[in-house]
Amino acid sequence: MKIIDLDQSNLTVVELIELAEQDTIILRKPDGTEFVLSVVDDFAAEVEALRQN
């Protein structure tokens, strides 16, 4: 899992999707709000992993 702070990143949406194809991405807004970007097939497994953290 990789965290990307959106206020420090110049990545395009396409680049973010390409990263998410390799690993689940956490997108963090400057106010601390976080979003998950993940391949749908892996999403259920990632949700379970996040619940265990």
N, C-alpha and C. Protein backbone atom coordinates (compact mmCIF):
# COMPACT_ATOMS: atom_id res chain seq x y z
N MET A 1 0.85 -1.16 0.00
CA MET A 1 0.00 0.00 0.00
C MET A 1 0.91 1.23 0.00
N LYS A 2 0.56 2.19 -0.84
CA LYS A 2 1.35 3.42 -0.97
C LYS A 2 0.45 4.61 -0.69
N ILE A 3 0.97 5.59 0.06
CA ILE A 3 0.23 6.80 0.36
C ILE A 3 0.77 7.93 -0.51
N ILE A 4 -0.15 8.64 -1.16
CA ILE A 4 0.23 9.78 -1.99
C ILE A 4 -0.48 11.01 -1.45
N ASP A 5 0.31 11.99 -1.02
CA ASP A 5 -0.24 13.27 -0.57
C ASP A 5 -0.53 14.11 -1.80
N LEU A 6 -1.79 14.42 -2.01
CA LEU A 6 -2.20 15.12 -3.23
C LEU A 6 -1.65 16.54 -3.32
N ASP A 7 -1.38 17.17 -2.17
CA ASP A 7 -0.84 18.53 -2.22
C ASP A 7 0.64 18.55 -2.61
N GLN A 8 1.28 17.37 -2.63
CA GLN A 8 2.70 17.29 -2.99
C GLN A 8 2.92 16.50 -4.28
N SER A 9 1.86 16.13 -4.96
CA SER A 9 1.97 15.27 -6.12
C SER A 9 1.46 15.97 -7.38
N ASN A 10 2.15 15.73 -8.47
CA ASN A 10 1.73 16.25 -9.77
C ASN A 10 1.24 15.12 -10.68
N LEU A 11 0.93 13.96 -10.11
CA LEU A 11 0.51 12.82 -10.91
C LEU A 11 -0.86 13.06 -11.54
N THR A 12 -1.01 12.58 -12.76
CA THR A 12 -2.31 12.65 -13.44
C THR A 12 -3.18 11.48 -12.97
N VAL A 13 -4.44 11.54 -13.30
CA VAL A 13 -5.35 10.44 -12.95
C VAL A 13 -4.88 9.14 -13.62
N VAL A 14 -4.44 9.23 -14.86
CA VAL A 14 -3.96 8.04 -15.57
C VAL A 14 -2.74 7.46 -14.84
N GLU A 15 -1.83 8.31 -14.40
CA GLU A 15 -0.65 7.83 -13.68
C GLU A 15 -1.04 7.19 -12.35
N LEU A 16 -2.02 7.76 -11.67
CA LEU A 16 -2.50 7.17 -10.42
C LEU A 16 -3.11 5.80 -10.65
N ILE A 17 -3.89 5.67 -11.71
CA ILE A 17 -4.49 4.38 -12.05
C ILE A 17 -3.41 3.36 -12.38
N GLU A 18 -2.40 3.77 -13.11
CA GLU A 18 -1.31 2.85 -13.43
C GLU A 18 -0.59 2.38 -12.16
N LEU A 19 -0.41 3.28 -11.19
CA LEU A 19 0.18 2.89 -9.92
C LEU A 19 -0.73 1.91 -9.17
N ALA A 20 -2.04 2.18 -9.22
CA ALA A 20 -3.00 1.33 -8.52
C ALA A 20 -3.08 -0.07 -9.13
N GLU A 21 -2.67 -0.21 -10.39
CA GLU A 21 -2.64 -1.54 -10.99
C GLU A 21 -1.57 -2.41 -10.33
N GLN A 22 -0.56 -1.78 -9.75
CA GLN A 22 0.54 -2.51 -9.11
C GLN A 22 0.32 -2.70 -7.60
N ASP A 23 -0.32 -1.72 -6.97
CA ASP A 23 -0.48 -1.75 -5.51
C ASP A 23 -1.63 -0.82 -5.14
N THR A 24 -2.27 -1.07 -4.03
CA THR A 24 -3.34 -0.21 -3.55
C THR A 24 -2.75 1.15 -3.18
N ILE A 25 -3.46 2.21 -3.56
CA ILE A 25 -3.00 3.57 -3.33
C ILE A 25 -3.94 4.27 -2.35
N ILE A 26 -3.37 4.95 -1.38
CA ILE A 26 -4.14 5.84 -0.51
C ILE A 26 -3.87 7.26 -0.98
N LEU A 27 -4.92 7.98 -1.32
CA LEU A 27 -4.80 9.38 -1.73
C LEU A 27 -5.18 10.25 -0.54
N ARG A 28 -4.28 11.13 -0.13
CA ARG A 28 -4.52 11.96 1.05
C ARG A 28 -4.63 13.43 0.64
N LYS A 29 -5.76 14.04 0.98
CA LYS A 29 -5.97 15.47 0.75
C LYS A 29 -5.23 16.27 1.81
N PRO A 30 -4.99 17.56 1.56
CA PRO A 30 -4.31 18.39 2.55
C PRO A 30 -5.01 18.43 3.91
N ASP A 31 -6.33 18.26 3.94
CA ASP A 31 -7.05 18.27 5.22
C ASP A 31 -6.99 16.93 5.95
N GLY A 32 -6.29 15.94 5.36
CA GLY A 32 -6.14 14.63 6.00
C GLY A 32 -7.14 13.59 5.55
N THR A 33 -8.16 13.97 4.80
CA THR A 33 -9.13 13.01 4.28
C THR A 33 -8.42 12.06 3.34
N GLU A 34 -8.71 10.76 3.47
CA GLU A 34 -8.04 9.75 2.66
C GLU A 34 -9.04 8.96 1.83
N PHE A 35 -8.58 8.56 0.65
CA PHE A 35 -9.38 7.76 -0.28
C PHE A 35 -8.53 6.59 -0.73
N VAL A 36 -9.18 5.46 -1.05
CA VAL A 36 -8.48 4.27 -1.52
C VAL A 36 -8.69 4.14 -3.03
N LEU A 37 -7.59 3.88 -3.75
CA LEU A 37 -7.65 3.59 -5.18
C LEU A 37 -7.06 2.20 -5.35
N SER A 38 -7.87 1.27 -5.84
CA SER A 38 -7.45 -0.12 -5.93
C SER A 38 -8.13 -0.81 -7.09
N VAL A 39 -7.48 -1.83 -7.61
CA VAL A 39 -8.11 -2.69 -8.62
C VAL A 39 -9.30 -3.37 -7.96
N VAL A 40 -10.42 -3.43 -8.64
CA VAL A 40 -11.64 -3.98 -8.07
C VAL A 40 -11.45 -5.41 -7.59
N ASP A 41 -10.73 -6.23 -8.31
CA ASP A 41 -10.53 -7.63 -7.91
C ASP A 41 -9.84 -7.74 -6.56
N ASP A 42 -8.99 -6.78 -6.22
CA ASP A 42 -8.25 -6.82 -4.97
C ASP A 42 -8.93 -6.05 -3.85
N PHE A 43 -10.00 -5.34 -4.17
CA PHE A 43 -10.58 -4.42 -3.22
C PHE A 43 -11.09 -5.12 -1.96
N ALA A 44 -11.78 -6.23 -2.10
CA ALA A 44 -12.32 -6.95 -0.94
C ALA A 44 -11.20 -7.38 0.01
N ALA A 45 -10.10 -7.85 -0.55
CA ALA A 45 -8.97 -8.26 0.27
C ALA A 45 -8.35 -7.06 0.99
N GLU A 46 -8.28 -5.93 0.31
CA GLU A 46 -7.70 -4.73 0.92
C GLU A 46 -8.61 -4.20 2.03
N VAL A 47 -9.92 -4.24 1.83
CA VAL A 47 -10.84 -3.80 2.88
C VAL A 47 -10.64 -4.65 4.12
N GLU A 48 -10.52 -5.93 3.95
CA GLU A 48 -10.29 -6.82 5.10
C GLU A 48 -8.96 -6.51 5.77
N ALA A 49 -7.92 -6.27 5.00
CA ALA A 49 -6.62 -5.92 5.57
C ALA A 49 -6.68 -4.61 6.35
N LEU A 50 -7.42 -3.64 5.82
CA LEU A 50 -7.55 -2.36 6.52
C LEU A 50 -8.34 -2.52 7.82
N ARG A 51 -9.31 -3.39 7.83
CA ARG A 51 -10.08 -3.64 9.06
C ARG A 51 -9.21 -4.21 10.14
N GLN A 52 -8.22 -4.97 9.78
CA GLN A 52 -7.35 -5.61 10.76
C GLN A 52 -6.29 -4.66 11.31
N ASN A 53 -6.10 -3.51 10.66
CA ASN A 53 -5.08 -2.55 11.13
C ASN A 53 -5.60 -1.74 12.27
